[in-house]
């Protein structure tokens, strides 16, 4: 059995556009200001995509879906994640599981974490756990200037 580990990280500041939705793991978090970014700025899906690509030795999300390409403006990051899963499968690998940690001072995410995990699990075809933690007032995350995410994935040969 061939095992590979990938890690991913993403961070986005909150958008000045108050009408922009907050999307995390493909879930629109109601009543919260969205994140700034070229796509839908879904830090959770982006970090997981980077973990998959890194573990497969395929670079990073920016290489495959550059923010300079107008095709990806406003893109649905769950669709991008699905495309990444296909790239990884093309490299002869598949996810065994993934673990993700959102870092956000606000909004409170505990109620929507299970829905995020379900959506990501469906796209990945493997169990995905999603947790949240706070910055405890430290740094940009602690000052509630944005949201970050860390992801790790275990890949095996398909």
Protein backbone atom coordinates (compact mmCIF):
# COMPACT_ATOMS: atom_id res chain seq x y z
CA UNK A 1 0.00 0.00 0.00
CA UNK A 2 1.33 3.44 -0.94
CA UNK A 3 0.41 6.17 1.54
CA UNK A 4 1.00 9.89 1.10
CA UNK A 5 0.14 12.82 3.33
CA UNK A 6 -0.78 16.29 2.13
CA UNK A 7 -1.31 19.49 4.06
CA UNK A 8 -3.08 22.64 3.01
CA UNK A 9 -3.59 26.15 4.32
CA UNK A 10 -5.68 29.08 3.16
CA UNK A 11 -6.65 32.45 4.59
CA UNK A 12 -8.91 35.22 3.31
CA UNK A 13 -9.87 38.58 4.83
CA UNK A 14 -13.49 39.55 5.27
CA UNK A 15 -14.88 41.39 2.25
CA UNK A 16 -15.85 45.03 2.34
CA UNK A 17 -18.83 44.02 0.17
CA UNK A 18 -21.53 43.33 2.77
CA UNK A 19 -23.67 41.52 0.18
CA UNK A 20 -21.03 38.83 -0.45
CA UNK A 21 -22.03 35.51 1.18
CA UNK A 22 -19.76 33.59 3.54
CA UNK A 23 -19.15 30.16 2.00
CA UNK A 24 -17.29 27.49 4.00
CA UNK A 25 -17.13 23.88 2.87
CA UNK A 26 -19.80 24.64 0.29
CA UNK A 27 -22.20 25.89 2.98
CA UNK A 28 -23.51 29.46 2.96
CA UNK A 29 -23.25 30.69 6.56
CA UNK A 30 -26.27 32.94 6.96
CA UNK A 31 -25.97 36.33 8.62
CA UNK A 32 -22.21 36.57 8.21
CA UNK A 33 -20.05 38.80 6.05
CA UNK A 34 -18.32 36.93 3.24
CA UNK A 35 -14.63 36.62 2.52
CA UNK A 36 -12.73 38.50 -0.14
CA UNK A 37 -11.33 36.47 -3.02
CA UNK A 38 -11.37 35.78 -6.75
CA UNK A 39 -13.59 32.70 -6.43
CA UNK A 40 -16.22 32.28 -3.70
CA UNK A 41 -13.29 32.49 -1.21
CA UNK A 42 -14.19 29.20 0.50
CA UNK A 43 -11.05 28.81 2.65
CA UNK A 44 -12.10 25.33 3.77
CA UNK A 45 -12.45 23.92 0.26
CA UNK A 46 -9.25 25.72 -0.81
CA UNK A 47 -7.17 24.32 2.06
CA UNK A 48 -8.51 20.82 1.39
CA UNK A 49 -7.75 21.19 -2.32
CA UNK A 50 -4.18 22.24 -1.54
CA UNK A 51 -3.76 19.28 0.82
CA UNK A 52 -4.90 16.88 -1.90
CA UNK A 53 -2.74 18.45 -4.59
CA UNK A 54 0.31 18.61 -2.32
CA UNK A 55 -0.04 15.01 -1.21
CA UNK A 56 -0.26 13.91 -4.84
CA UNK A 57 2.74 16.04 -5.83
CA UNK A 58 0.60 18.14 -8.16
CA UNK A 59 1.41 21.63 -6.92
CA UNK A 60 -1.23 23.89 -5.44
CA UNK A 61 -4.64 25.34 -6.19
CA UNK A 62 -3.15 28.54 -7.64
CA UNK A 63 -1.30 26.51 -10.27
CA UNK A 64 -4.45 24.78 -11.48
CA UNK A 65 -7.01 27.57 -10.93
CA UNK A 66 -5.10 30.88 -10.99
CA UNK A 67 -6.77 34.01 -9.66
CA UNK A 68 -5.59 35.79 -12.80
CA UNK A 69 -7.90 33.63 -14.95
CA UNK A 70 -11.35 35.20 -15.42
CA UNK A 71 -12.89 31.70 -15.76
CA UNK A 72 -12.50 31.27 -12.00
CA UNK A 73 -13.98 34.60 -10.94
CA UNK A 74 -16.78 33.77 -8.51
CA UNK A 75 -16.11 30.04 -9.00
CA UNK A 76 -17.82 27.48 -6.79
CA UNK A 77 -14.98 26.03 -4.73
CA UNK A 78 -16.79 22.72 -4.24
CA UNK A 79 -16.65 22.30 -8.02
CA UNK A 80 -12.94 23.17 -7.96
CA UNK A 81 -12.48 20.58 -5.19
CA UNK A 82 -14.27 18.02 -7.35
CA UNK A 83 -11.88 18.85 -10.18
CA UNK A 84 -8.94 18.39 -7.79
CA UNK A 85 -10.27 14.98 -6.71
CA UNK A 86 -10.28 14.00 -10.40
CA UNK A 87 -6.69 15.25 -10.86
CA UNK A 88 -5.57 13.24 -7.84
CA UNK A 89 -7.36 10.15 -9.16
CA UNK A 90 -5.57 10.68 -12.47
CA UNK A 91 -2.31 10.45 -10.51
CA UNK A 92 -3.43 7.03 -9.20
CA UNK A 93 -4.34 8.24 -5.70
CA UNK A 94 -7.49 8.67 -3.67
CA UNK A 95 -8.22 10.18 -0.28
CA UNK A 96 -8.53 7.83 2.67
CA UNK A 97 -9.62 10.64 5.02
CA UNK A 98 -9.15 14.33 5.70
CA UNK A 99 -9.11 16.51 8.79
CA UNK A 100 -9.70 20.27 8.62
CA UNK A 101 -9.57 23.05 11.21
CA UNK A 102 -11.19 26.42 10.59
CA UNK A 103 -9.67 29.34 12.49
CA UNK A 104 -12.24 32.08 13.06
CA UNK A 105 -13.01 34.47 15.86
CA UNK A 106 -16.45 34.88 14.34
CA UNK A 107 -18.94 33.73 13.29
CA UNK A 108 -19.61 30.84 15.63
CA UNK A 109 -19.56 27.75 13.42
CA UNK A 110 -20.45 24.80 15.66
CA UNK A 111 -23.97 24.43 14.23
CA UNK A 112 -22.84 24.21 10.59
CA UNK A 113 -19.70 22.07 10.97
CA UNK A 114 -21.55 18.75 10.48
CA UNK A 115 -23.13 20.01 7.23
CA UNK A 116 -19.72 21.14 5.96
CA UNK A 117 -18.25 17.72 6.78
CA UNK A 118 -21.11 15.97 4.94
CA UNK A 119 -20.69 18.09 1.80
CA UNK A 120 -16.93 17.66 1.71
CA UNK A 121 -17.19 13.92 2.39
CA UNK A 122 -19.57 13.57 -0.57
CA UNK A 123 -17.13 15.37 -2.90
CA UNK A 124 -14.02 13.63 -1.57
CA UNK A 125 -15.52 10.16 -1.41
CA UNK A 126 -13.82 9.69 1.96
CA UNK A 127 -14.51 10.81 5.54
CA UNK A 128 -13.79 14.48 6.24
CA UNK A 129 -13.82 15.91 9.75
CA UNK A 130 -14.24 19.66 10.22
CA UNK A 131 -13.44 21.47 13.44
CA UNK A 132 -13.25 25.13 14.41
CA UNK A 133 -10.99 27.05 16.75
CA UNK A 134 -10.53 30.69 17.69
CA UNK A 135 -7.59 33.06 17.62
CA UNK A 136 -8.27 34.11 21.24
CA UNK A 137 -7.72 37.74 20.30
CA UNK A 138 -4.25 37.17 18.85
CA UNK A 139 -3.21 38.26 15.36
CA UNK A 140 -5.42 38.97 12.35
CA UNK A 141 -7.65 35.95 13.02
CA UNK A 142 -8.06 36.91 16.68
CA UNK A 143 -8.98 40.46 15.63
CA UNK A 144 -11.70 38.94 13.39
CA UNK A 145 -10.14 40.31 10.20
CA UNK A 146 -10.68 37.05 8.31
CA UNK A 147 -10.83 33.27 8.44
CA UNK A 148 -8.10 30.68 7.91
CA UNK A 149 -8.15 26.92 7.49
CA UNK A 150 -5.65 24.10 7.95
CA UNK A 151 -6.23 20.74 6.25
CA UNK A 152 -4.44 17.41 6.21
CA UNK A 153 -5.30 14.45 4.02
CA UNK A 154 -4.16 10.85 3.81
CA UNK A 155 -3.92 9.52 0.26
CA UNK A 156 -3.46 5.94 -0.87
CA UNK A 157 -2.96 4.30 -4.22
CA UNK A 158 -6.26 3.61 -5.94
